[in-house]
Amino acid sequence: MRSVNRKDLIGGGLMLLLGIGAAVQSLQYHIGSLVRMGPGYFPLALGVILAIVGALIMLAGLRTAAIAPAVKLRPEWRGWFCICAGITAFAVLGHFGGLLPATFACVFIAALGDRKNSLFAALVLSATMTVVCLIVFWWLLKVQLPLFAWT
């Protein structure tokens, strides 16, 4: 038996509507040009991209697919907890410890949410992402968050 994928249709439709809404709302601001972007340029671009991706997901959901038997999966509480704890750690350490400790702690705690990760893999991932964060956000983008803040 064949059926349409309702989850893809609903999810893609919501993304499409959100993208159109963002694009329409951005038209209230000056768009500018590619060389001199106005405040509405970036939201317009993101809205259009989101709408296109949503439409593609909806089209993929319209394709008929074989119905697989529904498998009831248990919630992954460890992953949920680690991701939420990582975000909280970033917020707290970003304020009291600075960008580098916050990034390291956030990635390390979130990486522990995957049962397949070892402590060593989480440490390597955290150190790598901390270096990437240093280069991208502090050096290239000049984000005004101190690297270390001992308050």
Protein backbone atom coordinates (compact mmCIF):
# COMPACT_ATOMS: atom_id res chain seq x y z
CA MET A 1 0.00 0.00 0.00
CA ARG A 2 1.26 3.50 -0.86
CA SER A 3 0.58 6.77 0.96
CA VAL A 4 1.77 10.37 1.18
CA ASN A 5 4.06 11.37 4.04
CA ARG A 6 1.90 13.64 6.21
CA LYS A 7 4.80 14.68 8.46
CA ASP A 8 6.75 16.01 5.48
CA LEU A 9 3.68 17.77 4.13
CA ILE A 10 2.90 19.49 7.43
CA GLY A 11 6.53 20.29 8.28
CA GLY A 12 7.30 21.55 4.80
CA GLY A 13 4.12 23.60 4.77
CA LEU A 14 4.99 25.25 8.06
CA MET A 15 8.50 26.04 6.81
CA LEU A 16 7.04 27.44 3.60
CA LEU A 17 4.62 29.69 5.51
CA LEU A 18 7.31 30.84 7.93
CA GLY A 19 9.67 31.63 5.05
CA ILE A 20 7.01 33.58 3.16
CA GLY A 21 6.10 35.45 6.35
CA ALA A 22 9.73 36.39 7.01
CA ALA A 23 10.24 37.50 3.41
CA VAL A 24 7.08 39.63 3.40
CA GLN A 25 7.94 41.18 6.77
CA SER A 26 11.47 42.02 5.58
CA LEU A 27 10.02 44.14 2.76
CA GLN A 28 9.14 46.77 5.36
CA TYR A 29 12.86 47.50 5.68
CA HIS A 30 15.34 48.86 3.15
CA ILE A 31 16.70 45.92 1.13
CA GLY A 32 19.70 47.58 -0.47
CA SER A 33 22.00 45.73 -2.85
CA LEU A 34 24.47 42.90 -2.56
CA VAL A 35 27.32 45.39 -2.13
CA ARG A 36 25.46 47.66 0.33
CA MET A 37 22.99 45.44 2.16
CA GLY A 38 20.19 47.10 4.05
CA PRO A 39 18.55 45.78 7.24
CA GLY A 40 15.94 43.86 5.22
CA TYR A 41 18.37 42.03 2.93
CA PHE A 42 19.37 39.20 5.27
CA PRO A 43 15.82 38.41 6.52
CA LEU A 44 14.59 38.44 2.92
CA ALA A 45 17.32 36.02 1.82
CA LEU A 46 16.68 33.68 4.75
CA GLY A 47 12.92 33.82 4.21
CA VAL A 48 13.26 32.92 0.55
CA ILE A 49 15.68 30.08 1.31
CA LEU A 50 13.38 28.76 4.05
CA ALA A 51 10.37 28.92 1.72
CA ILE A 52 12.22 27.06 -1.04
CA VAL A 53 13.40 24.33 1.35
CA GLY A 54 9.87 24.02 2.75
CA ALA A 55 8.43 23.65 -0.74
CA LEU A 56 11.00 20.97 -1.58
CA ILE A 57 10.16 19.06 1.60
CA MET A 58 6.46 19.27 0.73
CA LEU A 59 7.16 17.94 -2.76
CA ALA A 60 9.16 15.08 -1.28
CA GLY A 61 6.21 14.34 1.02
CA LEU A 62 3.85 14.16 -1.95
CA ARG A 63 5.81 11.33 -3.47
CA THR A 64 4.20 8.10 -2.55
CA ALA A 65 6.18 5.81 -0.32
CA ALA A 66 5.61 2.37 1.08
CA ILE A 67 4.01 2.41 4.50
CA ALA A 68 6.37 0.97 7.08
CA PRO A 69 5.05 -0.50 10.28
CA ALA A 70 5.10 2.08 13.06
CA VAL A 71 7.83 1.45 15.61
CA LYS A 72 7.32 3.01 19.02
CA LEU A 73 10.66 4.43 20.20
CA ARG A 74 11.43 5.46 23.74
CA PRO A 75 12.39 9.10 24.32
CA GLU A 76 16.12 9.74 24.51
CA TRP A 77 16.12 11.49 27.88
CA ARG A 78 19.90 11.49 28.16
CA GLY A 79 20.25 13.40 24.88
CA TRP A 80 17.52 15.88 25.81
CA PHE A 81 19.04 16.50 29.22
CA CYS A 82 22.59 16.93 27.89
CA ILE A 83 21.54 19.35 25.15
CA CYS A 84 19.52 21.48 27.58
CA ALA A 85 22.35 21.36 30.13
CA GLY A 86 24.86 22.38 27.44
CA ILE A 87 22.78 25.42 26.47
CA THR A 88 22.42 26.38 30.13
CA ALA A 89 26.16 25.94 30.68
CA PHE A 90 26.88 28.22 27.72
CA ALA A 91 24.57 30.91 29.06
CA VAL A 92 26.04 30.80 32.56
CA LEU A 93 29.69 30.39 31.58
CA GLY A 94 29.38 32.94 28.76
CA HIS A 95 28.44 35.54 31.34
CA PHE A 96 30.78 34.50 34.16
CA GLY A 97 33.62 32.68 32.37
CA GLY A 98 33.91 34.02 28.83
CA LEU A 99 33.55 32.68 25.31
CA LEU A 100 36.13 29.88 25.37
CA PRO A 101 35.06 28.12 28.60
CA ALA A 102 31.41 28.51 27.61
CA THR A 103 31.98 26.98 24.18
CA PHE A 104 34.06 24.12 25.53
CA ALA A 105 31.53 23.25 28.24
CA CYS A 106 28.54 23.55 25.91
CA VAL A 107 29.98 21.22 23.28
CA PHE A 108 31.38 18.76 25.84
CA ILE A 109 28.11 18.41 27.74
CA ALA A 110 26.02 18.17 24.56
CA ALA A 111 28.41 15.56 23.10
CA LEU A 112 27.85 13.37 26.14
CA GLY A 113 24.19 13.10 25.11
CA ASP A 114 25.16 10.64 22.38
CA ARG A 115 25.62 7.20 23.90
CA LYS A 116 28.18 6.33 21.21
CA ASN A 117 30.57 9.15 22.22
CA SER A 118 33.37 8.41 24.63
CA LEU A 119 34.85 10.96 27.01
CA PHE A 120 37.91 11.24 24.78
CA ALA A 121 35.77 11.87 21.68
CA ALA A 122 33.79 14.52 23.56
CA LEU A 123 37.03 16.20 24.68
CA VAL A 124 38.46 16.22 21.14
CA LEU A 125 35.22 17.58 19.70
CA SER A 126 35.02 20.26 22.39
CA ALA A 127 38.60 21.37 21.88
CA THR A 128 38.17 21.48 18.10
CA MET A 129 34.93 23.48 18.29
CA THR A 130 36.52 25.87 20.79
CA VAL A 131 39.31 26.61 18.30
CA VAL A 132 36.76 27.03 15.49
CA CYS A 133 34.73 29.36 17.71
CA LEU A 134 37.85 31.38 18.52
CA ILE A 135 38.69 31.82 14.85
CA VAL A 136 35.19 32.45 13.51
CA PHE A 137 33.45 34.43 16.23
CA TRP A 138 36.20 36.24 18.08
CA TRP A 139 38.81 36.81 15.39
CA LEU A 140 36.79 37.05 12.14
CA LEU A 141 33.42 38.36 13.31
CA LYS A 142 34.78 40.32 16.29
CA VAL A 143 31.98 39.23 18.64
CA GLN A 144 32.08 41.40 21.75
CA LEU A 145 32.28 38.55 24.25
CA PRO A 146 35.57 38.29 26.13
CA LEU A 147 37.56 35.11 25.70
CA PHE A 148 37.94 34.75 29.48
CA ALA A 149 36.01 36.69 32.11
CA TRP A 150 36.58 35.88 35.76
CA THR A 151 33.62 37.62 37.40
